[in-house]
Amino acid sequence: DGNSESIKEKVRALLNRANHPNTPQPEAETAIELAFRLMQKHGLSESEIGGVKDGSSAEIVVKRVAVRGKYRVQRQNLLYVIARHHSCVGYRDDDDGDACVVVLYGRESDIFAAETIFATADLLGTRLLPRGDRSARTAWWQGFRRGIDESLGKAHKEFVVDSPGAGLVLADRVERATSYLRAHGPRL
């Protein structure tokens, strides 16, 4: 329908705005937060953002996500924080060569939303990374992750307050993902 197409276009536009190299940091962070809210509220999947309709499933899936490159440990922590806000659970698996691997459990649309917001936040972080030695940059990534965590936490709380029943639905998604991890994942 036209309204859902409008929502998808808004999400695409927000992500494009956040990813643009000339977008100031506060504006990029606001675009990430707004895209997060819309993706969470409407449960948009990869195919829906890409323009294909597939009817996202409530089934729990497992996805291994490899984070490569500099500061990968800090960046995989950023991915995990974002995934938690999208009703996903997971753990860091054994590293795969030059990659930190995170194993995520959740609905396909929730994992997609987490990966999409992570890609945007990761690009923003890489663009804003200040000069300095490795320890200073590592500390910066930690602060950046905390800022994203706080921002998404605030957006999550506002979404739950503004949408009656949403808190129960999101709590159920986390519980289902957690139960699946306990039943099918490794002993952690």
N, C-alpha and C. Protein backbone atom coordinates (compact mmCIF):
# COMPACT_ATOMS: atom_id res chain seq x y z
N ASP A 1 0.83 -1.18 0.00
CA ASP A 1 0.00 0.00 0.00
C ASP A 1 0.87 1.24 0.00
N GLY A 2 0.26 2.38 -0.34
CA GLY A 2 0.99 3.63 -0.48
C GLY A 2 1.66 4.10 0.79
N ASN A 3 1.00 3.90 1.94
CA ASN A 3 1.57 4.34 3.21
C ASN A 3 2.82 3.56 3.56
N SER A 4 2.82 2.23 3.34
CA SER A 4 4.01 1.44 3.66
C SER A 4 5.15 1.78 2.70
N GLU A 5 4.82 2.10 1.44
CA GLU A 5 5.86 2.53 0.50
C GLU A 5 6.47 3.85 0.96
N SER A 6 5.63 4.72 1.50
CA SER A 6 6.11 6.01 2.01
C SER A 6 7.07 5.79 3.19
N ILE A 7 6.75 4.86 4.07
CA ILE A 7 7.62 4.55 5.22
C ILE A 7 8.96 4.01 4.73
N LYS A 8 8.91 3.09 3.77
CA LYS A 8 10.14 2.51 3.24
C LYS A 8 11.02 3.58 2.59
N GLU A 9 10.39 4.49 1.86
CA GLU A 9 11.14 5.58 1.23
C GLU A 9 11.76 6.49 2.28
N LYS A 10 11.04 6.72 3.38
CA LYS A 10 11.59 7.55 4.46
C LYS A 10 12.82 6.89 5.07
N VAL A 11 12.74 5.58 5.30
CA VAL A 11 13.89 4.85 5.86
C VAL A 11 15.07 4.94 4.91
N ARG A 12 14.83 4.68 3.63
CA ARG A 12 15.92 4.77 2.64
C ARG A 12 16.55 6.17 2.64
N ALA A 13 15.70 7.19 2.66
CA ALA A 13 16.19 8.57 2.64
C ALA A 13 17.00 8.89 3.91
N LEU A 14 16.52 8.43 5.06
CA LEU A 14 17.24 8.67 6.31
C LEU A 14 18.61 7.99 6.30
N LEU A 15 18.66 6.76 5.82
CA LEU A 15 19.93 6.04 5.77
C LEU A 15 20.88 6.70 4.77
N ASN A 16 20.36 7.13 3.65
CA ASN A 16 21.20 7.84 2.68
C ASN A 16 21.73 9.14 3.27
N ARG A 17 20.89 9.85 4.00
CA ARG A 17 21.31 11.11 4.63
C ARG A 17 22.41 10.84 5.67
N ALA A 18 22.22 9.82 6.49
CA ALA A 18 23.21 9.49 7.53
C ALA A 18 24.53 9.05 6.90
N ASN A 19 24.48 8.40 5.75
CA ASN A 19 25.69 7.90 5.09
C ASN A 19 26.40 8.94 4.24
N HIS A 20 25.76 10.05 3.98
CA HIS A 20 26.38 11.05 3.11
C HIS A 20 27.57 11.69 3.83
N PRO A 21 28.72 11.80 3.15
CA PRO A 21 29.92 12.33 3.80
C PRO A 21 29.82 13.80 4.22
N ASN A 22 28.91 14.56 3.65
CA ASN A 22 28.77 15.96 4.01
C ASN A 22 27.73 16.21 5.09
N THR A 23 27.09 15.15 5.59
CA THR A 23 26.09 15.31 6.64
C THR A 23 26.80 15.54 7.97
N PRO A 24 26.48 16.64 8.67
CA PRO A 24 27.10 16.88 9.97
C PRO A 24 26.75 15.77 10.97
N GLN A 25 27.64 15.53 11.93
CA GLN A 25 27.47 14.44 12.88
C GLN A 25 26.11 14.47 13.59
N PRO A 26 25.68 15.59 14.18
CA PRO A 26 24.38 15.57 14.87
C PRO A 26 23.22 15.18 13.95
N GLU A 27 23.27 15.66 12.72
CA GLU A 27 22.22 15.34 11.77
C GLU A 27 22.27 13.86 11.38
N ALA A 28 23.47 13.32 11.20
CA ALA A 28 23.62 11.90 10.86
C ALA A 28 23.12 11.03 12.01
N GLU A 29 23.45 11.40 13.24
CA GLU A 29 22.99 10.62 14.39
C GLU A 29 21.47 10.66 14.52
N THR A 30 20.87 11.82 14.25
CA THR A 30 19.41 11.94 14.28
C THR A 30 18.79 11.07 13.18
N ALA A 31 19.39 11.05 12.00
CA ALA A 31 18.88 10.22 10.91
C ALA A 31 18.94 8.74 11.28
N ILE A 32 20.03 8.32 11.93
CA ILE A 32 20.14 6.93 12.38
C ILE A 32 19.04 6.60 13.38
N GLU A 33 18.82 7.49 14.34
CA GLU A 33 17.80 7.27 15.36
C GLU A 33 16.40 7.18 14.73
N LEU A 34 16.10 8.07 13.80
CA LEU A 34 14.79 8.04 13.15
C LEU A 34 14.60 6.79 12.30
N ALA A 35 15.65 6.38 11.57
CA ALA A 35 15.56 5.15 10.78
C ALA A 35 15.33 3.95 11.70
N PHE A 36 16.04 3.93 12.84
CA PHE A 36 15.86 2.87 13.83
C PHE A 36 14.41 2.79 14.28
N ARG A 37 13.83 3.93 14.63
CA ARG A 37 12.44 3.95 15.09
C ARG A 37 11.49 3.39 14.04
N LEU A 38 11.64 3.86 12.81
CA LEU A 38 10.74 3.40 11.75
C LEU A 38 10.91 1.92 11.45
N MET A 39 12.16 1.45 11.42
CA MET A 39 12.40 0.03 11.13
C MET A 39 11.86 -0.84 12.26
N GLN A 40 12.02 -0.38 13.50
CA GLN A 40 11.51 -1.15 14.63
C GLN A 40 9.98 -1.16 14.63
N LYS A 41 9.39 0.00 14.41
CA LYS A 41 7.93 0.11 14.45
C LYS A 41 7.26 -0.72 13.37
N HIS A 42 7.85 -0.72 12.18
CA HIS A 42 7.21 -1.38 11.04
C HIS A 42 7.81 -2.74 10.70
N GLY A 43 8.86 -3.16 11.42
CA GLY A 43 9.46 -4.49 11.20
C GLY A 43 9.87 -4.71 9.76
N LEU A 44 10.55 -3.73 9.18
CA LEU A 44 10.91 -3.82 7.77
C LEU A 44 12.04 -4.81 7.54
N SER A 45 11.92 -5.59 6.48
CA SER A 45 12.95 -6.58 6.13
C SER A 45 13.82 -6.05 5.00
N GLU A 46 14.89 -6.78 4.71
CA GLU A 46 15.81 -6.38 3.64
C GLU A 46 15.10 -6.26 2.31
N SER A 47 14.27 -7.22 2.00
CA SER A 47 13.59 -7.19 0.71
C SER A 47 12.62 -6.02 0.63
N GLU A 48 12.03 -5.64 1.76
CA GLU A 48 11.10 -4.50 1.74
C GLU A 48 11.85 -3.18 1.55
N ILE A 49 13.01 -3.04 2.19
CA ILE A 49 13.80 -1.81 2.01
C ILE A 49 14.31 -1.76 0.57
N GLY A 50 14.64 -2.93 0.02
CA GLY A 50 15.13 -2.99 -1.35
C GLY A 50 14.03 -2.88 -2.39
N GLY A 51 12.76 -2.84 -1.94
CA GLY A 51 11.66 -2.65 -2.87
C GLY A 51 10.92 -3.92 -3.23
N VAL A 52 11.30 -5.07 -2.68
CA VAL A 52 10.62 -6.33 -2.96
C VAL A 52 9.78 -6.69 -1.76
N LYS A 53 8.58 -7.19 -1.98
CA LYS A 53 7.71 -7.58 -0.86
C LYS A 53 7.80 -9.08 -0.65
N ASP A 54 8.01 -9.48 0.63
CA ASP A 54 8.10 -10.92 0.87
C ASP A 54 7.34 -11.36 2.11
N GLY A 55 6.77 -10.48 2.89
CA GLY A 55 6.07 -10.87 4.10
C GLY A 55 7.02 -11.45 5.12
N SER A 56 7.66 -10.61 5.89
CA SER A 56 8.68 -11.02 6.86
C SER A 56 8.14 -12.04 7.86
N SER A 57 8.94 -13.01 8.17
CA SER A 57 8.56 -14.11 9.04
C SER A 57 8.87 -13.79 10.49
N ALA A 58 8.10 -14.40 11.39
CA ALA A 58 8.35 -14.27 12.83
C ALA A 58 9.31 -15.36 13.31
N GLU A 59 9.74 -16.24 12.40
CA GLU A 59 10.63 -17.33 12.75
C GLU A 59 12.00 -16.79 13.16
N ILE A 60 12.59 -17.44 14.17
CA ILE A 60 13.93 -17.05 14.63
C ILE A 60 14.96 -17.66 13.69
N VAL A 61 15.91 -16.83 13.26
CA VAL A 61 16.99 -17.28 12.40
C VAL A 61 18.32 -16.99 13.09
N VAL A 62 19.37 -17.60 12.57
CA VAL A 62 20.72 -17.41 13.10
C VAL A 62 21.58 -16.85 11.98
N LYS A 63 22.36 -15.83 12.30
CA LYS A 63 23.23 -15.24 11.28
C LYS A 63 24.59 -14.92 11.89
N ARG A 64 25.63 -15.35 11.20
CA ARG A 64 27.01 -15.03 11.57
C ARG A 64 27.41 -13.77 10.81
N VAL A 65 27.86 -12.77 11.55
CA VAL A 65 28.26 -11.52 10.94
C VAL A 65 29.73 -11.28 11.27
N ALA A 66 30.54 -11.14 10.22
CA ALA A 66 31.98 -10.90 10.39
C ALA A 66 32.25 -9.41 10.28
N VAL A 67 32.98 -8.88 11.25
CA VAL A 67 33.38 -7.48 11.23
C VAL A 67 34.88 -7.47 10.99
N ARG A 68 35.28 -6.89 9.87
CA ARG A 68 36.69 -6.86 9.47
C ARG A 68 37.24 -5.45 9.53
N GLY A 69 38.55 -5.35 9.49
CA GLY A 69 39.20 -4.06 9.39
C GLY A 69 39.70 -3.56 10.73
N LYS A 70 40.16 -2.32 10.71
CA LYS A 70 40.70 -1.71 11.92
C LYS A 70 39.61 -1.54 12.98
N TYR A 71 40.02 -1.64 14.22
CA TYR A 71 39.13 -1.46 15.38
C TYR A 71 37.93 -2.40 15.35
N ARG A 72 38.15 -3.60 14.78
CA ARG A 72 37.05 -4.55 14.62
C ARG A 72 36.44 -5.00 15.93
N VAL A 73 37.23 -5.08 17.00
CA VAL A 73 36.67 -5.48 18.30
C VAL A 73 35.69 -4.41 18.78
N GLN A 74 36.08 -3.16 18.71
CA GLN A 74 35.19 -2.09 19.13
C GLN A 74 33.97 -2.00 18.22
N ARG A 75 34.17 -2.21 16.94
CA ARG A 75 33.07 -2.13 15.99
C ARG A 75 32.12 -3.31 16.14
N GLN A 76 32.64 -4.50 16.48
CA GLN A 76 31.71 -5.62 16.70
C GLN A 76 30.91 -5.40 17.98
N ASN A 77 31.51 -4.70 18.96
CA ASN A 77 30.74 -4.33 20.16
C ASN A 77 29.61 -3.38 19.79
N LEU A 78 29.87 -2.47 18.86
CA LEU A 78 28.83 -1.56 18.37
C LEU A 78 27.71 -2.35 17.71
N LEU A 79 28.05 -3.32 16.88
CA LEU A 79 27.04 -4.18 16.25
C LEU A 79 26.19 -4.88 17.30
N TYR A 80 26.83 -5.43 18.32
CA TYR A 80 26.09 -6.16 19.34
C TYR A 80 25.11 -5.24 20.08
N VAL A 81 25.55 -4.04 20.42
CA VAL A 81 24.69 -3.08 21.12
C VAL A 81 23.48 -2.74 20.26
N ILE A 82 23.71 -2.50 18.98
CA ILE A 82 22.61 -2.17 18.07
C ILE A 82 21.67 -3.36 17.93
N ALA A 83 22.22 -4.57 17.81
CA ALA A 83 21.39 -5.78 17.69
C ALA A 83 20.49 -5.96 18.91
N ARG A 84 21.02 -5.71 20.09
CA ARG A 84 20.20 -5.82 21.31
C ARG A 84 18.98 -4.91 21.23
N HIS A 85 19.16 -3.71 20.70
CA HIS A 85 18.04 -2.77 20.59
C HIS A 85 17.04 -3.20 19.52
N HIS A 86 17.41 -4.17 18.70
CA HIS A 86 16.51 -4.71 17.68
C HIS A 86 15.99 -6.08 18.05
N SER A 87 15.92 -6.36 19.35
CA SER A 87 15.34 -7.61 19.86
C SER A 87 16.13 -8.85 19.46
N CYS A 88 17.42 -8.70 19.22
CA CYS A 88 18.29 -9.83 18.88
C CYS A 88 19.18 -10.15 20.07
N VAL A 89 19.59 -11.39 20.15
CA VAL A 89 20.57 -11.81 21.14
C VAL A 89 21.70 -12.49 20.39
N GLY A 90 22.81 -12.70 21.06
CA GLY A 90 23.92 -13.35 20.38
C GLY A 90 25.15 -13.43 21.23
N TYR A 91 26.24 -13.75 20.58
CA TYR A 91 27.52 -13.89 21.27
C TYR A 91 28.64 -13.70 20.25
N ARG A 92 29.83 -13.44 20.77
CA ARG A 92 31.00 -13.34 19.90
C ARG A 92 31.57 -14.74 19.76
N ASP A 93 31.69 -15.18 18.55
CA ASP A 93 32.22 -16.50 18.25
C ASP A 93 33.73 -16.40 18.07
N ASP A 94 34.36 -17.54 17.82
CA ASP A 94 35.80 -17.54 17.55
C ASP A 94 36.07 -16.66 16.34
N ASP A 95 37.15 -15.89 16.43
CA ASP A 95 37.52 -15.03 15.32
C ASP A 95 37.82 -15.85 14.08
N ASP A 96 37.55 -15.27 12.94
CA ASP A 96 37.78 -15.92 11.66
C ASP A 96 38.89 -15.16 10.95
N GLY A 97 40.13 -15.51 11.25
CA GLY A 97 41.27 -14.82 10.64
C GLY A 97 41.34 -13.38 11.08
N ASP A 98 41.08 -12.47 10.16
CA ASP A 98 41.14 -11.04 10.47
C ASP A 98 39.78 -10.45 10.80
N ALA A 99 38.82 -11.28 11.18
CA ALA A 99 37.46 -10.81 11.45
C ALA A 99 37.01 -11.21 12.84
N CYS A 100 36.26 -10.32 13.47
CA CYS A 100 35.53 -10.66 14.69
C CYS A 100 34.15 -11.14 14.24
N VAL A 101 33.74 -12.28 14.74
CA VAL A 101 32.47 -12.86 14.32
C VAL A 101 31.45 -12.76 15.45
N VAL A 102 30.29 -12.21 15.12
CA VAL A 102 29.18 -12.13 16.05
C VAL A 102 28.09 -13.04 15.50
N VAL A 103 27.53 -13.90 16.35
CA VAL A 103 26.43 -14.77 15.95
C VAL A 103 25.16 -14.18 16.54
N LEU A 104 24.22 -13.81 15.67
CA LEU A 104 22.98 -13.17 16.10
C LEU A 104 21.80 -14.11 15.93
N TYR A 105 20.89 -14.05 16.89
CA TYR A 105 19.64 -14.80 16.87
C TYR A 105 18.51 -13.79 16.94
N GLY A 106 17.54 -13.92 16.04
CA GLY A 106 16.39 -13.02 16.04
C GLY A 106 15.58 -13.22 14.78
N ARG A 107 14.53 -12.44 14.66
CA ARG A 107 13.74 -12.49 13.43
C ARG A 107 14.59 -11.95 12.29
N GLU A 108 14.37 -12.43 11.10
CA GLU A 108 15.15 -11.99 9.94
C GLU A 108 15.09 -10.47 9.77
N SER A 109 13.88 -9.90 9.94
CA SER A 109 13.76 -8.45 9.77
C SER A 109 14.49 -7.70 10.89
N ASP A 110 14.54 -8.25 12.10
CA ASP A 110 15.25 -7.60 13.20
C ASP A 110 16.76 -7.63 12.96
N ILE A 111 17.27 -8.76 12.50
CA ILE A 111 18.71 -8.86 12.21
C ILE A 111 19.07 -7.92 11.06
N PHE A 112 18.22 -7.89 10.03
CA PHE A 112 18.47 -6.98 8.92
C PHE A 112 18.50 -5.53 9.40
N ALA A 113 17.55 -5.15 10.23
CA ALA A 113 17.50 -3.78 10.75
C ALA A 113 18.76 -3.47 11.55
N ALA A 114 19.20 -4.42 12.38
CA ALA A 114 20.41 -4.21 13.18
C ALA A 114 21.63 -4.04 12.27
N GLU A 115 21.75 -4.89 11.25
CA GLU A 115 22.88 -4.77 10.33
C GLU A 115 22.84 -3.46 9.55
N THR A 116 21.66 -3.02 9.18
CA THR A 116 21.52 -1.79 8.41
C THR A 116 21.91 -0.58 9.26
N ILE A 117 21.40 -0.53 10.48
CA ILE A 117 21.75 0.58 11.38
C ILE A 117 23.23 0.51 11.73
N PHE A 118 23.76 -0.71 11.92
CA PHE A 118 25.20 -0.85 12.21
C PHE A 118 26.03 -0.31 11.05
N ALA A 119 25.67 -0.66 9.82
CA ALA A 119 26.45 -0.20 8.65
C ALA A 119 26.48 1.32 8.61
N THR A 120 25.36 1.94 8.90
CA THR A 120 25.30 3.40 8.89
C THR A 120 26.12 3.98 10.04
N ALA A 121 25.97 3.43 11.25
CA ALA A 121 26.72 3.93 12.41
C ALA A 121 28.21 3.67 12.23
N ASP A 122 28.56 2.53 11.67
CA ASP A 122 29.97 2.18 11.45
C ASP A 122 30.61 3.17 10.46
N LEU A 123 29.90 3.48 9.41
CA LEU A 123 30.39 4.45 8.43
C LEU A 123 30.55 5.82 9.07
N LEU A 124 29.57 6.23 9.87
CA LEU A 124 29.65 7.51 10.57
C LEU A 124 30.85 7.52 11.52
N GLY A 125 31.02 6.45 12.29
CA GLY A 125 32.15 6.36 13.21
C GLY A 125 33.48 6.43 12.50
N THR A 126 33.60 5.73 11.40
CA THR A 126 34.84 5.73 10.62
C THR A 126 35.13 7.13 10.08
N ARG A 127 34.09 7.80 9.66
CA ARG A 127 34.24 9.15 9.11
C ARG A 127 34.65 10.15 10.19
N LEU A 128 34.14 9.95 11.42
CA LEU A 128 34.39 10.91 12.50
C LEU A 128 35.61 10.56 13.36
N LEU A 129 36.19 9.39 13.16
CA LEU A 129 37.30 8.93 14.00
C LEU A 129 38.40 9.99 14.05
N PRO A 130 38.73 10.47 15.25
CA PRO A 130 39.74 11.53 15.34
C PRO A 130 41.16 10.98 15.16
N ARG A 131 42.08 11.88 14.96
CA ARG A 131 43.48 11.50 14.89
C ARG A 131 43.96 11.16 16.29
N GLY A 132 45.02 10.40 16.34
CA GLY A 132 45.60 10.05 17.63
C GLY A 132 46.17 8.65 17.59
N ASP A 133 46.73 8.23 18.72
CA ASP A 133 47.29 6.89 18.77
C ASP A 133 46.17 5.86 18.94
N ARG A 134 46.54 4.60 18.86
CA ARG A 134 45.56 3.52 18.90
C ARG A 134 44.71 3.53 20.17
N SER A 135 45.34 3.78 21.33
CA SER A 135 44.57 3.76 22.57
C SER A 135 43.54 4.90 22.61
N ALA A 136 43.91 6.07 22.08
CA ALA A 136 42.96 7.18 22.03
C ALA A 136 41.80 6.86 21.10
N ARG A 137 42.10 6.25 19.97
CA ARG A 137 41.04 5.90 19.02
C ARG A 137 40.16 4.78 19.55
N THR A 138 40.75 3.83 20.26
CA THR A 138 39.95 2.77 20.88
C THR A 138 39.00 3.36 21.91
N ALA A 139 39.50 4.28 22.73
CA ALA A 139 38.65 4.95 23.72
C ALA A 139 37.54 5.73 23.02
N TRP A 140 37.86 6.36 21.88
CA TRP A 140 36.85 7.09 21.14
C TRP A 140 35.74 6.15 20.68
N TRP A 141 36.12 4.98 20.13
CA TRP A 141 35.12 4.00 19.68
C TRP A 141 34.23 3.57 20.85
N GLN A 142 34.81 3.39 22.03
CA GLN A 142 34.02 3.00 23.20
C GLN A 142 32.99 4.08 23.53
N GLY A 143 33.42 5.35 23.50
CA GLY A 143 32.50 6.44 23.76
C GLY A 143 31.43 6.56 22.69
N PHE A 144 31.82 6.36 21.44
CA PHE A 144 30.87 6.39 20.33
C PHE A 144 29.81 5.30 20.51
N ARG A 145 30.26 4.10 20.88
CA ARG A 145 29.33 2.99 21.11
C ARG A 145 28.35 3.32 22.24
N ARG A 146 28.87 3.89 23.33
CA ARG A 146 27.99 4.27 24.45
C ARG A 146 26.97 5.32 24.00
N GLY A 147 27.41 6.28 23.17
CA GLY A 147 26.49 7.30 22.67
C GLY A 147 25.39 6.71 21.81
N ILE A 148 25.75 5.79 20.92
CA ILE A 148 24.75 5.12 20.08
C ILE A 148 23.80 4.30 20.95
N ASP A 149 24.35 3.60 21.94
CA ASP A 149 23.54 2.79 22.87
C ASP A 149 22.52 3.67 23.59
N GLU A 150 22.96 4.80 24.11
CA GLU A 150 22.06 5.72 24.81
C GLU A 150 21.00 6.28 23.87
N SER A 151 21.40 6.66 22.67
CA SER A 151 20.48 7.23 21.70
C SER A 151 19.40 6.22 21.29
N LEU A 152 19.83 4.99 20.99
CA LEU A 152 18.85 3.96 20.60
C LEU A 152 18.00 3.54 21.79
N GLY A 153 18.58 3.53 22.98
CA GLY A 153 17.80 3.21 24.18
C GLY A 153 16.70 4.23 24.41
N LYS A 154 17.03 5.50 24.21
CA LYS A 154 16.04 6.57 24.34
C LYS A 154 14.95 6.40 23.28
N ALA A 155 15.35 6.15 22.04
CA ALA A 155 14.37 5.97 20.96
C ALA A 155 13.48 4.75 21.24
N HIS A 156 14.07 3.69 21.78
CA HIS A 156 13.32 2.48 22.12
C HIS A 156 12.26 2.79 23.17
N LYS A 157 12.66 3.50 24.23
CA LYS A 157 11.71 3.85 25.30
C LYS A 157 10.58 4.72 24.76
N GLU A 158 10.91 5.69 23.93
CA GLU A 158 9.89 6.56 23.34
C GLU A 158 8.94 5.75 22.46
N PHE A 159 9.48 4.81 21.71
CA PHE A 159 8.65 3.97 20.85
C PHE A 159 7.67 3.15 21.69
N VAL A 160 8.15 2.58 22.79
CA VAL A 160 7.29 1.76 23.67
C VAL A 160 6.20 2.62 24.29
N VAL A 161 6.54 3.84 24.73
CA VAL A 161 5.56 4.74 25.32
C VAL A 161 4.52 5.17 24.29
N ASP A 162 4.97 5.47 23.08
CA ASP A 162 4.07 5.97 22.03
C ASP A 162 3.24 4.89 21.36
N SER A 163 3.60 3.62 21.54
CA SER A 163 2.92 2.52 20.85
C SER A 163 2.41 1.51 21.87
N PRO A 164 1.14 1.63 22.28
CA PRO A 164 0.60 0.70 23.27
C PRO A 164 0.77 -0.76 22.83
N GLY A 165 1.28 -1.57 23.73
CA GLY A 165 1.48 -2.99 23.46
C GLY A 165 2.82 -3.32 22.83
N ALA A 166 3.55 -2.31 22.35
CA ALA A 166 4.82 -2.56 21.68
C ALA A 166 5.85 -3.17 22.64
N GLY A 167 5.83 -2.74 23.89
CA GLY A 167 6.79 -3.28 24.86
C GLY A 167 6.64 -4.77 25.02
N LEU A 168 5.39 -5.25 25.05
CA LEU A 168 5.15 -6.70 25.18
C LEU A 168 5.62 -7.45 23.94
N VAL A 169 5.35 -6.88 22.79
CA VAL A 169 5.76 -7.52 21.54
C VAL A 169 7.29 -7.62 21.46
N LEU A 170 7.98 -6.52 21.78
CA LEU A 170 9.44 -6.52 21.73
C LEU A 170 10.04 -7.45 22.77
N ALA A 171 9.45 -7.47 23.97
CA ALA A 171 9.92 -8.39 25.01
C ALA A 171 9.74 -9.84 24.57
N ASP A 172 8.62 -10.12 23.89
CA ASP A 172 8.39 -11.48 23.39
C ASP A 172 9.42 -11.85 22.33
N ARG A 173 9.78 -10.91 21.46
CA ARG A 173 10.79 -11.19 20.44
C ARG A 173 12.13 -11.55 21.09
N VAL A 174 12.51 -10.78 22.10
CA VAL A 174 13.78 -11.06 22.80
C VAL A 174 13.71 -12.42 23.49
N GLU A 175 12.60 -12.72 24.13
CA GLU A 175 12.45 -14.00 24.83
C GLU A 175 12.50 -15.17 23.85
N ARG A 176 11.85 -15.03 22.71
CA ARG A 176 11.88 -16.09 21.70
C ARG A 176 13.30 -16.30 21.18
N ALA A 177 14.01 -15.20 20.91
CA ALA A 177 15.40 -15.31 20.42
C ALA A 177 16.29 -15.93 21.49
N THR A 178 16.10 -15.54 22.75
CA THR A 178 16.89 -16.09 23.85
C THR A 178 16.62 -17.58 24.02
N SER A 179 15.36 -17.97 23.97
CA SER A 179 15.00 -19.39 24.09
C SER A 179 15.61 -20.20 22.96
N TYR A 180 15.58 -19.66 21.76
CA TYR A 180 16.15 -20.37 20.62
C TYR A 180 17.67 -20.53 20.79
N LEU A 181 18.32 -19.46 21.23
CA LEU A 181 19.77 -19.53 21.49
C LEU A 181 20.08 -20.60 22.52
N ARG A 182 19.31 -20.63 23.60
CA ARG A 182 19.56 -21.64 24.65
C ARG A 182 19.31 -23.05 24.17
N ALA A 183 18.33 -23.23 23.30
CA ALA A 183 18.00 -24.57 22.81
C ALA A 183 18.93 -25.04 21.70
N HIS A 184 19.37 -24.12 20.85
CA HIS A 184 20.12 -24.53 19.65
C HIS A 184 21.55 -24.02 19.59
N GLY A 185 21.90 -23.10 20.46
CA GLY A 185 23.24 -22.52 20.42
C GLY A 185 24.21 -23.30 21.31
N PRO A 186 25.45 -22.85 21.31
CA PRO A 186 26.44 -23.50 22.18
C PRO A 186 26.19 -23.15 23.64
N ARG A 187 26.72 -23.95 24.52
CA ARG A 187 26.62 -23.63 25.95
C ARG A 187 27.55 -22.44 26.21
N LEU A 188 26.96 -21.37 26.70
CA LEU A 188 27.74 -20.16 26.93
C LEU A 188 28.00 -20.00 28.42
